């Protein structure tokens, strides 16, 4: 049994608070949900003037209570870093939510010292993604160090390819080296059912 899940459907459409409450009720103690923020915020509004949408989102997912894990923000490849926009948005987000947040940018402009500083200022972790998009640095965690969030989509064929034993061992070593804070690993290579197998292989290495 896994101890977490990443909810992607919340990116495409809102769920009523009672839906989140039901999911919290039917999962075992200690289980947690990472929740992807809506595209209305990240892709349509592009982080601008979206306080109301953010407030609705956090009110809905509040139904998870203690089972709410990290909130995931994924940006479009064409979404460039803007210091002022980032500061305003992340400031608004932090007024509403003090829990862990991870950002998955896919534009090279987010992999700079200035962007990394902004993320650390607001305690936002930068996702380590495979395949890396926007920059080779996307393969490594960045931003705030209290959370490490890995999203592994499969490579060379995205969503389809399994990770081999050497790749899983390398990931396990990275996780062992992260002594402080929280680590999340989400396998998104689900198209051919490889994600669960890879997750079990990683857990076996980390629980030896």
Protein backbone atom coordinates (compact mmCIF):
# COMPACT_ATOMS: atom_id res chain seq x y z
CA UNK A 1 0.00 0.00 0.00
CA UNK A 2 1.31 3.45 -0.92
CA UNK A 3 1.07 6.28 1.60
CA UNK A 4 0.34 9.15 -0.78
CA UNK A 5 -1.17 10.16 -4.10
CA UNK A 6 -0.98 13.20 -6.36
CA UNK A 7 -4.36 14.51 -7.50
CA UNK A 8 -4.15 15.91 -11.04
CA UNK A 9 -7.89 16.20 -11.77
CA UNK A 10 -8.01 19.39 -9.67
CA UNK A 11 -5.91 21.04 -12.40
CA UNK A 12 -8.72 20.59 -14.91
CA UNK A 13 -11.83 21.14 -12.79
CA UNK A 14 -12.76 22.04 -9.21
CA UNK A 15 -14.01 19.44 -6.76
CA UNK A 16 -16.52 20.24 -4.06
CA UNK A 17 -15.22 20.34 -0.51
CA UNK A 18 -17.36 17.31 0.35
CA UNK A 19 -15.46 15.30 -2.27
CA UNK A 20 -12.14 16.07 -0.59
CA UNK A 21 -13.71 15.27 2.79
CA UNK A 22 -14.86 11.88 1.48
CA UNK A 23 -11.41 11.07 0.11
CA UNK A 24 -9.88 11.93 3.46
CA UNK A 25 -12.40 9.70 5.23
CA UNK A 26 -11.86 6.60 3.09
CA UNK A 27 -8.04 6.62 3.19
CA UNK A 28 -6.01 5.16 6.05
CA UNK A 29 -4.38 7.15 8.85
CA UNK A 30 -1.17 8.81 7.74
CA UNK A 31 -2.14 8.85 4.07
CA UNK A 32 -1.66 12.22 2.34
CA UNK A 33 -2.70 13.93 -0.88
CA UNK A 34 -0.58 16.23 -3.00
CA UNK A 35 -2.97 18.47 -4.92
CA UNK A 36 -2.33 20.19 -8.24
CA UNK A 37 -3.51 23.79 -8.39
CA UNK A 38 -6.06 24.68 -11.08
CA UNK A 39 -5.00 25.74 -14.56
CA UNK A 40 -7.33 28.72 -14.12
CA UNK A 41 -4.61 30.08 -11.83
CA UNK A 42 -1.42 28.82 -13.49
CA UNK A 43 -2.25 28.74 -17.20
CA UNK A 44 -5.23 31.04 -17.77
CA UNK A 45 -4.55 33.84 -15.28
CA UNK A 46 -0.79 33.12 -15.37
CA UNK A 47 -0.57 33.97 -11.65
CA UNK A 48 -2.10 37.45 -12.19
CA UNK A 49 -5.09 38.74 -10.19
CA UNK A 50 -6.16 35.27 -9.11
CA UNK A 51 -6.70 35.78 -5.40
CA UNK A 52 -10.36 34.78 -5.57
CA UNK A 53 -9.58 31.60 -7.52
CA UNK A 54 -6.85 30.72 -5.04
CA UNK A 55 -9.17 31.30 -2.09
CA UNK A 56 -11.81 29.01 -3.59
CA UNK A 57 -9.21 26.33 -4.24
CA UNK A 58 -7.87 26.38 -0.70
CA UNK A 59 -11.38 26.38 0.75
CA UNK A 60 -12.20 23.25 -1.26
CA UNK A 61 -9.04 21.27 -0.48
CA UNK A 62 -9.34 22.24 3.17
CA UNK A 63 -11.69 19.27 3.30
CA UNK A 64 -8.62 17.04 3.41
CA UNK A 65 -7.65 18.53 6.78
CA UNK A 66 -4.47 16.83 8.07
CA UNK A 67 -4.31 14.64 4.96
CA UNK A 68 -3.41 17.58 2.77
CA UNK A 69 0.21 17.30 1.64
CA UNK A 70 2.01 19.62 -0.78
CA UNK A 71 0.19 21.88 -3.20
CA UNK A 72 1.68 21.59 -6.69
CA UNK A 73 1.89 24.53 -9.12
CA UNK A 74 2.80 23.58 -12.69
CA UNK A 75 3.56 26.33 -15.20
CA UNK A 76 3.32 26.30 -18.98
CA UNK A 77 6.56 26.15 -21.05
CA UNK A 78 5.95 29.69 -22.29
CA UNK A 79 5.50 31.13 -18.79
CA UNK A 80 8.61 33.22 -18.10
CA UNK A 81 9.72 34.35 -14.67
CA UNK A 82 8.70 37.89 -13.75
CA UNK A 83 9.99 39.12 -10.41
CA UNK A 84 7.02 41.37 -9.65
CA UNK A 85 4.37 38.85 -10.66
CA UNK A 86 6.08 36.08 -8.70
CA UNK A 87 6.39 38.21 -5.57
CA UNK A 88 2.75 39.31 -5.69
CA UNK A 89 1.38 35.84 -6.39
CA UNK A 90 3.50 33.98 -3.87
CA UNK A 91 2.79 36.63 -1.23
CA UNK A 92 -0.95 36.19 -1.79
CA UNK A 93 -0.61 32.40 -1.71
CA UNK A 94 1.29 32.52 1.58
CA UNK A 95 -1.37 34.73 3.15
CA UNK A 96 -3.82 31.89 2.52
CA UNK A 97 -1.73 28.79 3.00
CA UNK A 98 1.27 28.03 5.21
CA UNK A 99 1.74 24.39 4.19
CA UNK A 100 4.25 22.87 1.76
CA UNK A 101 4.14 24.07 -1.86
CA UNK A 102 6.08 22.84 -4.89
CA UNK A 103 6.46 24.63 -8.22
CA UNK A 104 7.20 22.89 -11.53
CA UNK A 105 8.34 25.57 -14.01
CA UNK A 106 9.19 24.61 -17.58
CA UNK A 107 10.79 27.80 -18.85
CA UNK A 108 14.53 28.51 -18.66
CA UNK A 109 13.97 31.87 -16.97
CA UNK A 110 12.89 30.14 -13.74
CA UNK A 111 16.26 28.41 -13.34
CA UNK A 112 18.21 31.47 -12.29
CA UNK A 113 19.55 32.73 -8.95
CA UNK A 114 16.87 35.47 -8.92
CA UNK A 115 14.01 33.00 -9.36
CA UNK A 116 15.51 30.58 -6.86
CA UNK A 117 15.83 33.38 -4.32
CA UNK A 118 12.14 34.28 -4.76
CA UNK A 119 11.14 30.67 -4.21
CA UNK A 120 13.24 30.40 -1.06
CA UNK A 121 11.83 33.68 0.25
CA UNK A 122 8.31 32.23 0.15
CA UNK A 123 9.31 28.69 1.15
CA UNK A 124 8.45 27.19 -2.25
CA UNK A 125 10.27 24.06 -3.42
CA UNK A 126 11.16 23.73 -7.10
CA UNK A 127 10.22 20.33 -8.48
CA UNK A 128 12.85 17.91 -9.75
CA UNK A 129 11.31 16.65 -12.99
CA UNK A 130 12.11 13.90 -15.47
CA UNK A 131 12.30 14.54 -18.32
CA UNK A 132 13.76 17.94 -17.48
CA UNK A 133 12.06 20.76 -19.38
CA UNK A 134 13.33 24.30 -19.82
CA UNK A 135 16.75 23.63 -18.37
CA UNK A 136 18.98 20.75 -17.34
CA UNK A 137 18.61 22.19 -13.82
CA UNK A 138 14.97 21.05 -13.89
CA UNK A 139 16.21 17.55 -13.13
CA UNK A 140 17.37 18.67 -9.68
CA UNK A 141 15.43 20.10 -6.74
CA UNK A 142 15.67 23.84 -6.15
CA UNK A 143 14.11 26.65 -4.20
CA UNK A 144 13.32 26.06 -0.54
CA UNK A 145 15.02 23.04 0.99
CA UNK A 146 12.33 22.00 3.48
CA UNK A 147 10.58 19.99 0.77
CA UNK A 148 11.97 17.87 -2.05
CA UNK A 149 9.37 16.97 -4.67
CA UNK A 150 10.21 14.63 -7.55
CA UNK A 151 7.86 14.20 -10.54
CA UNK A 152 9.05 11.35 -12.74
CA UNK A 153 7.10 11.16 -15.98
CA UNK A 154 9.10 8.36 -17.61
CA UNK A 155 11.96 8.55 -20.09
CA UNK A 156 12.85 8.22 -22.85
CA UNK A 157 9.14 7.84 -23.65
CA UNK A 158 7.16 10.19 -21.44
CA UNK A 159 4.36 8.49 -19.45
CA UNK A 160 5.28 5.06 -20.89
CA UNK A 161 8.88 4.18 -20.04
CA UNK A 162 9.80 2.37 -16.86
CA UNK A 163 12.83 3.34 -14.78
CA UNK A 164 15.47 0.64 -14.57
CA UNK A 165 17.17 -0.65 -11.42
CA UNK A 166 20.15 1.69 -11.75
CA UNK A 167 17.91 4.74 -12.07
CA UNK A 168 15.85 3.71 -9.05
CA UNK A 169 19.02 3.15 -7.00
CA UNK A 170 20.34 6.57 -8.00
CA UNK A 171 17.10 8.17 -6.88
CA UNK A 172 17.23 6.28 -3.58
CA UNK A 173 20.74 7.66 -2.99
CA UNK A 174 19.52 11.21 -3.60
CA UNK A 175 16.73 10.72 -1.09
CA UNK A 176 19.08 9.26 1.52
CA UNK A 177 21.30 12.32 1.16
CA UNK A 178 18.39 14.63 1.98
CA UNK A 179 18.61 14.54 5.75
CA UNK A 180 16.22 17.37 6.64
CA UNK A 181 12.68 18.12 5.59
CA UNK A 182 10.17 16.12 3.63
CA UNK A 183 10.56 14.18 0.37
CA UNK A 184 7.81 13.31 -2.10
CA UNK A 185 8.33 11.09 -5.14
CA UNK A 186 5.53 10.84 -7.69
CA UNK A 187 5.89 8.38 -10.56
CA UNK A 188 3.80 9.61 -13.47
CA UNK A 189 4.79 6.89 -15.95
CA UNK A 190 1.30 5.47 -15.71
CA UNK A 191 0.37 4.79 -19.35
CA UNK A 192 1.60 1.18 -19.27
CA UNK A 193 1.27 0.61 -15.54
CA UNK A 194 4.95 1.16 -14.73
CA UNK A 195 4.46 3.73 -11.97
CA UNK A 196 3.31 1.37 -9.24
CA UNK A 197 6.13 -1.10 -9.97
CA UNK A 198 8.75 1.65 -9.80
CA UNK A 199 7.25 3.02 -6.59
CA UNK A 200 7.43 -0.40 -4.95
CA UNK A 201 11.04 -0.83 -6.09
CA UNK A 202 12.01 2.54 -4.60
CA UNK A 203 10.23 1.85 -1.34
CA UNK A 204 11.98 -1.50 -1.01
CA UNK A 205 15.38 0.19 -1.32
CA UNK A 206 14.51 2.84 1.24
CA UNK A 207 13.09 0.42 3.80
CA UNK A 208 15.91 -2.15 3.75
